[in-house]
Amino acid sequence: MRIYLFIILLLVVQLSYAEETLCTSKEKIIFSCHVEKKIISLCRPSQEKQSLIYRYGKLGHVELLYPSPGKASKAEFYRSTNPLYGGEDVNISFKRSTYEYSLYSKITRADSDEHQESREPVFEDGLTIFQSGKVLKQLVCDDGGEGFREEIDWIPSQPLTK
Protein backbone atom coordinates (compact mmCIF):
# COMPACT_ATOMS: atom_id res chain seq x y z
CA MET A 1 0.00 0.00 0.00
CA ARG A 2 2.78 2.44 0.89
CA ILE A 3 4.52 1.82 -2.43
CA TYR A 4 1.33 2.71 -4.34
CA LEU A 5 0.91 5.88 -2.30
CA PHE A 6 4.54 6.79 -2.96
CA ILE A 7 4.12 6.24 -6.73
CA ILE A 8 0.94 8.35 -6.84
CA LEU A 9 2.63 11.13 -4.86
CA LEU A 10 5.64 11.01 -7.17
CA LEU A 11 3.39 11.30 -10.25
CA VAL A 12 1.51 14.26 -8.76
CA VAL A 13 4.78 16.05 -7.99
CA GLN A 14 6.09 15.40 -11.52
CA LEU A 15 2.86 16.60 -13.13
CA SER A 16 2.81 19.82 -11.11
CA TYR A 17 6.50 20.35 -11.90
CA ALA A 18 5.87 19.84 -15.62
CA GLU A 19 3.06 22.42 -15.66
CA GLU A 20 5.02 25.23 -13.99
CA THR A 21 5.58 28.13 -16.35
CA LEU A 22 6.42 31.81 -16.15
CA CYS A 23 3.57 32.64 -18.55
CA THR A 24 0.59 34.37 -16.95
CA SER A 25 -3.00 33.15 -17.10
CA LYS A 26 -3.65 35.74 -19.86
CA GLU A 27 -0.90 34.30 -22.06
CA LYS A 28 -0.52 31.23 -24.25
CA ILE A 29 2.51 29.02 -23.60
CA ILE A 30 4.65 28.81 -26.74
CA PHE A 31 7.65 27.14 -25.05
CA SER A 32 8.35 26.31 -21.42
CA CYS A 33 10.72 23.97 -19.61
CA HIS A 34 12.89 23.56 -16.53
CA VAL A 35 16.67 23.91 -16.44
CA GLU A 36 17.93 22.92 -13.00
CA LYS A 37 15.88 25.06 -10.58
CA LYS A 38 14.96 27.69 -13.19
CA ILE A 39 12.19 27.95 -15.78
CA ILE A 40 12.50 29.15 -19.38
CA SER A 41 9.21 30.40 -20.87
CA LEU A 42 8.20 31.97 -24.17
CA CYS A 43 4.67 33.35 -23.99
CA ARG A 44 2.18 34.98 -26.35
CA PRO A 45 -0.44 37.39 -24.99
CA SER A 46 -3.83 35.78 -25.74
CA GLN A 47 -5.19 38.88 -27.48
CA GLU A 48 -2.08 39.51 -29.58
CA LYS A 49 -1.45 36.96 -32.33
CA GLN A 50 2.03 38.22 -33.26
CA SER A 51 3.71 39.18 -30.02
CA LEU A 52 6.06 37.22 -27.76
CA ILE A 53 7.45 37.62 -24.24
CA TYR A 54 10.50 35.69 -22.96
CA ARG A 55 10.98 35.04 -19.25
CA TYR A 56 13.72 33.22 -17.33
CA GLY A 57 13.87 32.59 -13.59
CA LYS A 58 11.82 31.02 -10.82
CA LEU A 59 8.14 31.25 -9.99
CA GLY A 60 7.68 34.62 -8.30
CA HIS A 61 11.14 35.86 -9.37
CA VAL A 62 11.79 36.54 -13.07
CA GLU A 63 15.51 37.18 -13.63
CA LEU A 64 15.34 38.07 -17.33
CA LEU A 65 12.40 39.53 -19.21
CA TYR A 66 12.40 40.39 -22.91
CA PRO A 67 11.19 42.83 -24.03
CA SER A 68 11.76 44.94 -20.96
CA PRO A 69 8.61 46.58 -19.58
CA GLY A 70 8.06 50.13 -20.76
CA LYS A 71 10.27 49.80 -23.85
CA ALA A 72 8.94 51.85 -26.74
CA SER A 73 10.53 49.57 -29.34
CA LYS A 74 8.87 46.31 -30.27
CA ALA A 75 10.62 43.05 -29.43
CA GLU A 76 12.37 41.41 -32.36
CA PHE A 77 12.29 37.63 -32.48
CA TYR A 78 13.61 35.56 -35.38
CA ARG A 79 12.93 31.97 -36.43
CA SER A 80 15.27 29.51 -38.11
CA THR A 81 14.93 25.87 -39.09
CA ASN A 82 17.81 23.53 -39.85
CA PRO A 83 17.14 20.07 -41.29
CA LEU A 84 18.69 17.12 -39.46
CA TYR A 85 18.63 13.44 -40.34
CA GLY A 86 15.32 12.15 -39.05
CA GLY A 87 14.13 15.56 -37.89
CA GLU A 88 15.00 19.21 -37.60
CA ASP A 89 16.31 21.92 -35.31
CA VAL A 90 13.84 24.81 -34.87
CA ASN A 91 15.02 28.03 -33.16
CA ILE A 92 13.46 31.28 -31.97
CA SER A 93 16.11 33.90 -31.20
CA PHE A 94 16.41 37.47 -29.98
CA LYS A 95 19.29 39.83 -29.24
CA ARG A 96 19.84 41.83 -26.10
CA SER A 97 22.96 43.99 -26.03
CA THR A 98 25.91 41.75 -27.05
CA TYR A 99 23.96 38.59 -26.16
CA GLU A 100 21.80 36.42 -28.36
CA TYR A 101 19.32 34.00 -26.81
CA SER A 102 18.19 31.09 -28.97
CA LEU A 103 15.42 28.74 -27.78
CA TYR A 104 15.56 25.47 -29.64
CA SER A 105 13.58 22.29 -30.17
CA LYS A 106 15.55 19.51 -31.82
CA ILE A 107 14.49 16.12 -33.15
CA THR A 108 17.23 13.78 -34.43
CA ARG A 109 18.03 10.08 -34.56
CA ALA A 110 20.09 8.34 -31.84
CA ASP A 111 23.75 7.82 -32.66
CA SER A 112 24.29 4.05 -32.78
CA ASP A 113 25.62 1.25 -34.96
CA GLU A 114 22.13 0.45 -36.24
CA HIS A 115 20.98 1.31 -39.75
CA GLN A 116 19.93 5.00 -39.71
CA GLU A 117 16.23 4.27 -40.32
CA SER A 118 16.21 1.93 -37.28
CA ARG A 119 17.63 4.49 -34.84
CA GLU A 120 15.35 5.82 -32.11
CA PRO A 121 14.24 9.47 -32.32
CA VAL A 122 15.89 11.82 -29.83
CA PHE A 123 14.11 14.96 -28.61
CA GLU A 124 15.96 17.86 -27.00
CA ASP A 125 14.77 21.35 -26.08
CA GLY A 126 16.77 24.12 -24.52
CA LEU A 127 18.41 27.52 -24.73
CA THR A 128 21.75 28.51 -26.22
CA ILE A 129 23.23 31.85 -25.15
CA PHE A 130 25.78 33.52 -27.41
CA GLN A 131 27.99 36.48 -26.53
CA SER A 132 29.55 38.40 -29.38
CA GLY A 133 28.80 35.46 -31.71
CA LYS A 134 30.36 32.73 -29.53
CA VAL A 135 28.51 30.11 -27.49
CA LEU A 136 28.57 31.28 -23.89
CA LYS A 137 26.25 28.66 -22.41
CA GLN A 138 23.90 25.89 -23.49
CA LEU A 139 21.04 24.95 -21.20
CA VAL A 140 19.23 21.67 -21.95
CA CYS A 141 15.71 21.22 -20.57
CA ASP A 142 15.67 18.79 -17.63
CA ASP A 143 12.10 17.73 -18.25
CA GLY A 144 12.52 17.18 -21.98
CA GLY A 145 10.30 20.12 -22.80
CA GLU A 146 7.41 19.92 -25.23
CA GLY A 147 8.89 21.80 -28.16
CA PHE A 148 7.08 24.79 -29.56
CA ARG A 149 3.43 24.35 -28.67
CA GLU A 150 2.00 26.66 -31.31
CA GLU A 151 2.69 27.44 -34.96
CA ILE A 152 5.54 29.95 -35.21
CA ASP A 153 5.59 30.49 -38.98
CA TRP A 154 4.54 34.13 -38.49
CA ILE A 155 7.90 34.91 -36.83
CA PRO A 156 10.34 36.34 -39.43
CA SER A 157 12.93 33.84 -40.60
CA GLN A 158 15.67 36.43 -40.70
CA PRO A 159 18.75 34.81 -39.14
CA LEU A 160 20.74 36.74 -36.56
CA THR A 161 24.48 37.14 -37.04
CA LYS A 162 26.46 34.79 -34.81
C-alpha atoms as a PDB file:
ATOM      1  CA  MET A   1       0.000   0.000   0.000  1.00  0.00           C
ATOM      2  CA  ARG A   2       2.785   2.437   0.887  1.00  0.00           C
ATOM      3  CA  ILE A   3       4.523   1.816  -2.426  1.00  0.00           C
ATOM      4  CA  TYR A   4       1.329   2.709  -4.337  1.00  0.00           C
ATOM      5  CA  LEU A   5       0.911   5.878  -2.301  1.00  0.00           C
ATOM      6  CA  PHE A   6       4.544   6.790  -2.962  1.00  0.00           C
ATOM      7  CA  ILE A   7       4.117   6.242  -6.726  1.00  0.00           C
ATOM      8  CA  ILE A   8       0.942   8.348  -6.836  1.00  0.00           C
ATOM      9  CA  LEU A   9       2.626  11.130  -4.858  1.00  0.00           C
ATOM     10  CA  LEU A  10       5.643  11.013  -7.171  1.00  0.00           C
ATOM     11  CA  LEU A  11       3.393  11.296 -10.246  1.00  0.00           C
ATOM     12  CA  VAL A  12       1.512  14.256  -8.759  1.00  0.00           C
ATOM     13  CA  VAL A  13       4.785  16.048  -7.988  1.00  0.00           C
ATOM     14  CA  GLN A  14       6.093  15.399 -11.515  1.00  0.00           C
ATOM     15  CA  LEU A  15       2.865  16.603 -13.131  1.00  0.00           C
ATOM     16  CA  SER A  16       2.809  19.820 -11.109  1.00  0.00           C
ATOM     17  CA  TYR A  17       6.502  20.353 -11.902  1.00  0.00           C
ATOM     18  CA  ALA A  18       5.868  19.845 -15.617  1.00  0.00           C
ATOM     19  CA  GLU A  19       3.059  22.418 -15.660  1.00  0.00           C
ATOM     20  CA  GLU A  20       5.025  25.225 -13.992  1.00  0.00           C
ATOM     21  CA  THR A  21       5.581  28.128 -16.352  1.00  0.00           C
ATOM     22  CA  LEU A  22       6.420  31.806 -16.154  1.00  0.00           C
ATOM     23  CA  CYS A  23       3.570  32.640 -18.555  1.00  0.00           C
ATOM     24  CA  THR A  24       0.586  34.374 -16.952  1.00  0.00           C
ATOM     25  CA  SER A  25      -2.999  33.150 -17.102  1.00  0.00           C
ATOM     26  CA  LYS A  26      -3.654  35.740 -19.857  1.00  0.00           C
ATOM     27  CA  GLU A  27      -0.897  34.297 -22.063  1.00  0.00           C
ATOM     28  CA  LYS A  28      -0.519  31.225 -24.246  1.00  0.00           C
ATOM     29  CA  ILE A  29       2.511  29.020 -23.600  1.00  0.00           C
ATOM     30  CA  ILE A  30       4.651  28.812 -26.744  1.00  0.00           C
ATOM     31  CA  PHE A  31       7.652  27.137 -25.050  1.00  0.00           C
ATOM     32  CA  SER A  32       8.346  26.312 -21.418  1.00  0.00           C
ATOM     33  CA  CYS A  33      10.716  23.972 -19.609  1.00  0.00           C
ATOM     34  CA  HIS A  34      12.890  23.556 -16.526  1.00  0.00           C
ATOM     35  CA  VAL A  35      16.666  23.915 -16.444  1.00  0.00           C
ATOM     36  CA  GLU A  36      17.926  22.918 -13.002  1.00  0.00           C
ATOM     37  CA  LYS A  37      15.877  25.064 -10.583  1.00  0.00           C
ATOM     38  CA  LYS A  38      14.963  27.693 -13.195  1.00  0.00           C
ATOM     39  CA  ILE A  39      12.189  27.952 -15.784  1.00  0.00           C
ATOM     40  CA  ILE A  40      12.495  29.149 -19.384  1.00  0.00           C
ATOM     41  CA  SER A  41       9.213  30.396 -20.872  1.00  0.00           C
ATOM     42  CA  LEU A  42       8.202  31.975 -24.168  1.00  0.00           C
ATOM     43  CA  CYS A  43       4.674  33.350 -23.992  1.00  0.00           C
ATOM     44  CA  ARG A  44       2.184  34.982 -26.345  1.00  0.00           C
ATOM     45  CA  PRO A  45      -0.436  37.389 -24.988  1.00  0.00           C
ATOM     46  CA  SER A  46      -3.829  35.780 -25.735  1.00  0.00           C
ATOM     47  CA  GLN A  47      -5.192  38.881 -27.479  1.00  0.00           C
ATOM     48  CA  GLU A  48      -2.079  39.514 -29.583  1.00  0.00           C
ATOM     49  CA  LYS A  49      -1.450  36.960 -32.327  1.00  0.00           C
ATOM     50  CA  GLN A  50       2.026  38.216 -33.255  1.00  0.00           C
ATOM     51  CA  SER A  51       3.706  39.184 -30.018  1.00  0.00           C
ATOM     52  CA  LEU A  52       6.061  37.224 -27.760  1.00  0.00           C
ATOM     53  CA  ILE A  53       7.450  37.615 -24.242  1.00  0.00           C
ATOM     54  CA  TYR A  54      10.500  35.693 -22.963  1.00  0.00           C
ATOM     55  CA  ARG A  55      10.984  35.042 -19.248  1.00  0.00           C
ATOM     56  CA  TYR A  56      13.718  33.218 -17.327  1.00  0.00           C
ATOM     57  CA  GLY A  57      13.872  32.592 -13.585  1.00  0.00           C
ATOM     58  CA  LYS A  58      11.816  31.025 -10.822  1.00  0.00           C
ATOM     59  CA  LEU A  59       8.139  31.255  -9.994  1.00  0.00           C
ATOM     60  CA  GLY A  60       7.677  34.620  -8.298  1.00  0.00           C
ATOM     61  CA  HIS A  61      11.138  35.860  -9.373  1.00  0.00           C
ATOM     62  CA  VAL A  62      11.793  36.536 -13.066  1.00  0.00           C
ATOM     63  CA  GLU A  63      15.506  37.183 -13.633  1.00  0.00           C
ATOM     64  CA  LEU A  64      15.343  38.069 -17.326  1.00  0.00           C
ATOM     65  CA  LEU A  65      12.397  39.532 -19.209  1.00  0.00           C
ATOM     66  CA  TYR A  66      12.397  40.395 -22.914  1.00  0.00           C
ATOM     67  CA  PRO A  67      11.190  42.826 -24.035  1.00  0.00           C
ATOM     68  CA  SER A  68      11.755  44.943 -20.960  1.00  0.00           C
ATOM     69  CA  PRO A  69       8.609  46.583 -19.576  1.00  0.00           C
ATOM     70  CA  GLY A  70       8.060  50.133 -20.764  1.00  0.00           C
ATOM     71  CA  LYS A  71      10.273  49.800 -23.845  1.00  0.00           C
ATOM     72  CA  ALA A  72       8.936  51.846 -26.742  1.00  0.00           C
ATOM     73  CA  SER A  73      10.533  49.574 -29.339  1.00  0.00           C
ATOM     74  CA  LYS A  74       8.872  46.305 -30.274  1.00  0.00           C
ATOM     75  CA  ALA A  75      10.622  43.047 -29.431  1.00  0.00           C
ATOM     76  CA  GLU A  76      12.369  41.410 -32.364  1.00  0.00           C
ATOM     77  CA  PHE A  77      12.287  37.627 -32.478  1.00  0.00           C
ATOM     78  CA  TYR A  78      13.610  35.557 -35.384  1.00  0.00           C
ATOM     79  CA  ARG A  79      12.933  31.974 -36.428  1.00  0.00           C
ATOM     80  CA  SER A  80      15.274  29.512 -38.109  1.00  0.00           C
ATOM     81  CA  THR A  81      14.932  25.867 -39.085  1.00  0.00           C
ATOM     82  CA  ASN A  82      17.812  23.525 -39.845  1.00  0.00           C
ATOM     83  CA  PRO A  83      17.144  20.069 -41.294  1.00  0.00           C
ATOM     84  CA  LEU A  84      18.694  17.124 -39.455  1.00  0.00           C
ATOM     85  CA  TYR A  85      18.627  13.445 -40.343  1.00  0.00           C
ATOM     86  CA  GLY A  86      15.316  12.154 -39.049  1.00  0.00           C
ATOM     87  CA  GLY A  87      14.130  15.559 -37.890  1.00  0.00           C
ATOM     88  CA  GLU A  88      15.003  19.211 -37.597  1.00  0.00           C
ATOM     89  CA  ASP A  89      16.313  21.920 -35.311  1.00  0.00           C
ATOM     90  CA  VAL A  90      13.841  24.810 -34.874  1.00  0.00           C
ATOM     91  CA  ASN A  91      15.016  28.025 -33.156  1.00  0.00           C
ATOM     92  CA  ILE A  92      13.463  31.278 -31.973  1.00  0.00           C
ATOM     93  CA  SER A  93      16.106  33.901 -31.203  1.00  0.00           C
ATOM     94  CA  PHE A  94      16.412  37.468 -29.977  1.00  0.00           C
ATOM     95  CA  LYS A  95      19.288  39.833 -29.238  1.00  0.00           C
ATOM     96  CA  ARG A  96      19.844  41.829 -26.098  1.00  0.00           C
ATOM     97  CA  SER A  97      22.964  43.985 -26.031  1.00  0.00           C
ATOM     98  CA  THR A  98      25.914  41.747 -27.047  1.00  0.00           C
ATOM     99  CA  TYR A  99      23.965  38.587 -26.157  1.00  0.00           C
ATOM    100  CA  GLU A 100      21.800  36.422 -28.364  1.00  0.00           C
ATOM    101  CA  TYR A 101      19.322  34.000 -26.814  1.00  0.00           C
ATOM    102  CA  SER A 102      18.191  31.087 -28.967  1.00  0.00           C
ATOM    103  CA  LEU A 103      15.419  28.743 -27.781  1.00  0.00           C
ATOM    104  CA  TYR A 104      15.562  25.466 -29.644  1.00  0.00           C
ATOM    105  CA  SER A 105      13.585  22.289 -30.170  1.00  0.00           C
ATOM    106  CA  LYS A 106      15.548  19.507 -31.818  1.00  0.00           C
ATOM    107  CA  ILE A 107      14.488  16.118 -33.153  1.00  0.00           C
ATOM    108  CA  THR A 108      17.225  13.778 -34.432  1.00  0.00           C
ATOM    109  CA  ARG A 109      18.034  10.077 -34.562  1.00  0.00           C
ATOM    110  CA  ALA A 110      20.088   8.341 -31.844  1.00  0.00           C
ATOM    111  CA  ASP A 111      23.747   7.820 -32.661  1.00  0.00           C
ATOM    112  CA  SER A 112      24.290   4.053 -32.775  1.00  0.00           C
ATOM    113  CA  ASP A 113      25.621   1.249 -34.963  1.00  0.00           C
ATOM    114  CA  GLU A 114      22.134   0.446 -36.243  1.00  0.00           C
ATOM    115  CA  HIS A 115      20.981   1.312 -39.750  1.00  0.00           C
ATOM    116  CA  GLN A 116      19.934   5.003 -39.711  1.00  0.00           C
ATOM    117  CA  GLU A 117      16.234   4.265 -40.319  1.00  0.00           C
ATOM    118  CA  SER A 118      16.206   1.934 -37.276  1.00  0.00           C
ATOM    119  CA  ARG A 119      17.626   4.486 -34.842  1.00  0.00           C
ATOM    120  CA  GLU A 120      15.350   5.823 -32.112  1.00  0.00           C
ATOM    121  CA  PRO A 121      14.238   9.469 -32.324  1.00  0.00           C
ATOM    122  CA  VAL A 122      15.893  11.815 -29.835  1.00  0.00           C
ATOM    123  CA  PHE A 123      14.111  14.958 -28.614  1.00  0.00           C
ATOM    124  CA  GLU A 124      15.960  17.858 -27.000  1.00  0.00           C
ATOM    125  CA  ASP A 125      14.772  21.350 -26.079  1.00  0.00           C
ATOM    126  CA  GLY A 126      16.769  24.125 -24.517  1.00  0.00           C
ATOM    127  CA  LEU A 127      18.408  27.518 -24.727  1.00  0.00           C
ATOM    128  CA  THR A 128      21.750  28.513 -26.220  1.00  0.00           C
ATOM    129  CA  ILE A 129      23.231  31.849 -25.152  1.00  0.00           C
ATOM    130  CA  PHE A 130      25.784  33.522 -27.406  1.00  0.00           C
ATOM    131  CA  GLN A 131      27.990  36.482 -26.525  1.00  0.00           C
ATOM    132  CA  SER A 132      29.548  38.402 -29.382  1.00  0.00           C
ATOM    133  CA  GLY A 133      28.802  35.461 -31.711  1.00  0.00           C
ATOM    134  CA  LYS A 134      30.365  32.726 -29.532  1.00  0.00           C
ATOM    135  CA  VAL A 135      28.512  30.107 -27.489  1.00  0.00           C
ATOM    136  CA  LEU A 136      28.567  31.283 -23.887  1.00  0.00           C
ATOM    137  CA  LYS A 137      26.250  28.659 -22.410  1.00  0.00           C
ATOM    138  CA  GLN A 138      23.903  25.887 -23.494  1.00  0.00           C
ATOM    139  CA  LEU A 139      21.037  24.946 -21.199  1.00  0.00           C
ATOM    140  CA  VAL A 140      19.227  21.674 -21.948  1.00  0.00           C
ATOM    141  CA  CYS A 141      15.707  21.216 -20.575  1.00  0.00           C
ATOM    142  CA  ASP A 142      15.672  18.792 -17.632  1.00  0.00           C
ATOM    143  CA  ASP A 143      12.102  17.727 -18.251  1.00  0.00           C
ATOM    144  CA  GLY A 144      12.523  17.184 -21.978  1.00  0.00           C
ATOM    145  CA  GLY A 145      10.300  20.121 -22.798  1.00  0.00           C
ATOM    146  CA  GLU A 146       7.415  19.924 -25.228  1.00  0.00           C
ATOM    147  CA  GLY A 147       8.895  21.804 -28.158  1.00  0.00           C
ATOM    148  CA  PHE A 148       7.077  24.790 -29.562  1.00  0.00           C
ATOM    149  CA  ARG A 149       3.425  24.354 -28.666  1.00  0.00           C
ATOM    150  CA  GLU A 150       2.004  26.662 -31.311  1.00  0.00           C
ATOM    151  CA  GLU A 151       2.694  27.439 -34.963  1.00  0.00           C
ATOM    152  CA  ILE A 152       5.537  29.946 -35.207  1.00  0.00           C
ATOM    153  CA  ASP A 153       5.586  30.486 -38.984  1.00  0.00           C
ATOM    154  CA  TRP A 154       4.544  34.130 -38.485  1.00  0.00           C
ATOM    155  CA  ILE A 155       7.903  34.914 -36.831  1.00  0.00           C
ATOM    156  CA  PRO A 156      10.336  36.340 -39.428  1.00  0.00           C
ATOM    157  CA  SER A 157      12.935  33.841 -40.597  1.00  0.00           C
ATOM    158  CA  GLN A 158      15.672  36.429 -40.698  1.00  0.00           C
ATOM    159  CA  PRO A 159      18.749  34.806 -39.136  1.00  0.00           C
ATOM    160  CA  LEU A 160      20.740  36.743 -36.560  1.00  0.00           C
ATOM    161  CA  THR A 161      24.477  37.142 -37.044  1.00  0.00           C
ATOM    162  CA  LYS A 162      26.456  34.795 -34.810  1.00  0.00           C
END
